[in-house]
């Protein structure tokens, strides 16, 4: 099994309004997010790749156009936690990237969430 990953970054705000009012994340705040997409394949293609990293430009463009410098409550249909953002990104790209098996979202250098159905 071969596994590769690629990271993308963006900045955005959100409000986790399902939390108690006293929780700091219940107020509008922002993060410098890192999205890591994880791909795997049993074998490599004729070029020796699981997937050519250049073929992932559509992910970068989507993140830049739809997520960067946005308020995620307006973009993510579910409560915009790291968990739901990871699932949203996975579901958005799995149809076009069959090698995709997990999406990782990091809000800070010390925290991350991985969605792997």
Protein backbone atom coordinates (compact mmCIF):
# COMPACT_ATOMS: atom_id res chain seq x y z
CA UNK A 1 0.00 0.00 0.00
CA UNK A 2 1.28 3.45 -0.92
CA UNK A 3 0.10 6.55 0.93
CA UNK A 4 0.72 10.19 0.10
CA UNK A 5 -0.58 13.47 1.43
CA UNK A 6 -0.67 17.11 0.47
CA UNK A 7 -1.33 20.15 2.65
CA UNK A 8 -3.26 23.30 1.85
CA UNK A 9 -3.70 26.35 4.05
CA UNK A 10 -6.32 29.04 4.42
CA UNK A 11 -7.57 31.58 6.94
CA UNK A 12 -11.22 31.81 7.95
CA UNK A 13 -13.57 32.65 10.80
CA UNK A 14 -16.37 30.67 12.40
CA UNK A 15 -18.68 30.62 15.39
CA UNK A 16 -19.36 27.38 17.23
CA UNK A 17 -22.79 28.50 18.35
CA UNK A 18 -23.83 25.12 19.75
CA UNK A 19 -21.42 25.65 22.66
CA UNK A 20 -22.34 27.30 25.95
CA UNK A 21 -22.27 31.10 25.71
CA UNK A 22 -19.27 31.32 28.05
CA UNK A 23 -17.10 29.10 25.87
CA UNK A 24 -14.51 31.19 23.96
CA UNK A 25 -15.25 29.35 20.70
CA UNK A 26 -18.90 30.40 20.92
CA UNK A 27 -17.73 33.87 19.91
CA UNK A 28 -16.62 34.67 16.38
CA UNK A 29 -12.96 33.80 15.99
CA UNK A 30 -10.57 32.73 13.29
CA UNK A 31 -7.90 30.18 12.51
CA UNK A 32 -5.11 29.65 10.07
CA UNK A 33 -6.27 26.22 8.93
CA UNK A 34 -4.20 23.44 7.43
CA UNK A 35 -6.08 20.87 5.36
CA UNK A 36 -4.22 17.66 4.59
CA UNK A 37 -5.68 15.30 2.05
CA UNK A 38 -4.52 11.70 2.32
CA UNK A 39 -4.46 9.41 -0.71
CA UNK A 40 -3.63 5.72 -1.01
CA UNK A 41 -3.33 3.06 -3.67
CA UNK A 42 -2.31 -0.56 -3.85
CA UNK A 43 0.16 0.27 -6.59
CA UNK A 44 1.62 3.26 -8.39
CA UNK A 45 0.66 4.38 -11.87
CA UNK A 46 2.91 4.19 -14.94
CA UNK A 47 4.68 7.35 -13.76
CA UNK A 48 5.42 5.88 -10.34
CA UNK A 49 2.78 7.97 -8.55
CA UNK A 50 -0.23 7.27 -6.36
CA UNK A 51 -1.42 10.59 -7.83
CA UNK A 52 0.52 13.39 -9.47
CA UNK A 53 0.48 16.27 -6.96
CA UNK A 54 -0.14 18.63 -9.88
CA UNK A 55 -3.48 16.87 -10.42
CA UNK A 56 -4.64 18.21 -7.05
CA UNK A 57 -4.81 21.80 -8.22
CA UNK A 58 -8.60 21.62 -8.11
CA UNK A 59 -8.42 21.15 -4.33
CA UNK A 60 -6.17 24.17 -3.95
CA UNK A 61 -8.40 26.29 -6.19
CA UNK A 62 -11.53 25.27 -4.27
CA UNK A 63 -9.94 26.13 -0.94
CA UNK A 64 -8.71 29.49 -2.24
CA UNK A 65 -12.03 30.39 -3.90
CA UNK A 66 -14.55 28.98 -1.41
CA UNK A 67 -12.91 28.81 2.03
CA UNK A 68 -10.06 31.29 2.28
CA UNK A 69 -10.99 34.52 4.10
CA UNK A 70 -14.60 33.38 4.51
CA UNK A 71 -16.92 32.94 7.45
CA UNK A 72 -17.28 29.15 7.53
CA UNK A 73 -20.77 29.26 9.04
CA UNK A 74 -21.83 30.64 5.64
CA UNK A 75 -19.98 27.93 3.67
CA UNK A 76 -20.11 24.63 5.59
CA UNK A 77 -23.70 23.34 5.75
CA UNK A 78 -23.17 21.73 9.18
CA UNK A 79 -21.83 23.25 12.41
CA UNK A 80 -18.27 24.22 11.25
CA UNK A 81 -16.16 22.21 13.69
CA UNK A 82 -12.90 20.67 12.47
CA UNK A 83 -14.71 17.34 12.34
CA UNK A 84 -17.47 18.64 10.07
CA UNK A 85 -15.04 20.60 7.89
CA UNK A 86 -12.98 17.43 7.34
CA UNK A 87 -16.08 15.43 6.39
CA UNK A 88 -17.29 18.25 4.10
CA UNK A 89 -13.96 18.38 2.24
CA UNK A 90 -13.85 14.58 1.97
CA UNK A 91 -17.35 14.36 0.52
CA UNK A 92 -16.64 17.24 -1.87
CA UNK A 93 -13.53 15.61 -3.40
CA UNK A 94 -13.99 11.84 -3.09
CA UNK A 95 -15.98 11.62 -6.36
CA UNK A 96 -13.13 13.23 -8.33
CA UNK A 97 -10.21 11.72 -6.39
CA UNK A 98 -10.88 8.00 -5.92
CA UNK A 99 -7.55 7.58 -4.09
CA UNK A 100 -8.75 9.91 -1.31
CA UNK A 101 -9.18 8.00 1.95
CA UNK A 102 -8.95 10.69 4.65
CA UNK A 103 -8.97 14.43 5.25
CA UNK A 104 -7.19 16.06 8.17
CA UNK A 105 -8.04 19.53 9.47
CA UNK A 106 -5.80 21.46 11.83
CA UNK A 107 -6.88 24.71 13.46
CA UNK A 108 -3.69 25.15 15.44
CA UNK A 109 -0.18 23.64 15.29
CA UNK A 110 -1.09 21.39 18.24
CA UNK A 111 -4.54 20.12 17.22
CA UNK A 112 -5.97 18.17 14.32
CA UNK A 113 -8.93 16.04 13.33
CA UNK A 114 -8.91 13.24 10.76
CA UNK A 115 -12.07 12.13 8.96
CA UNK A 116 -11.66 8.66 7.49
CA UNK A 117 -14.94 6.92 6.62
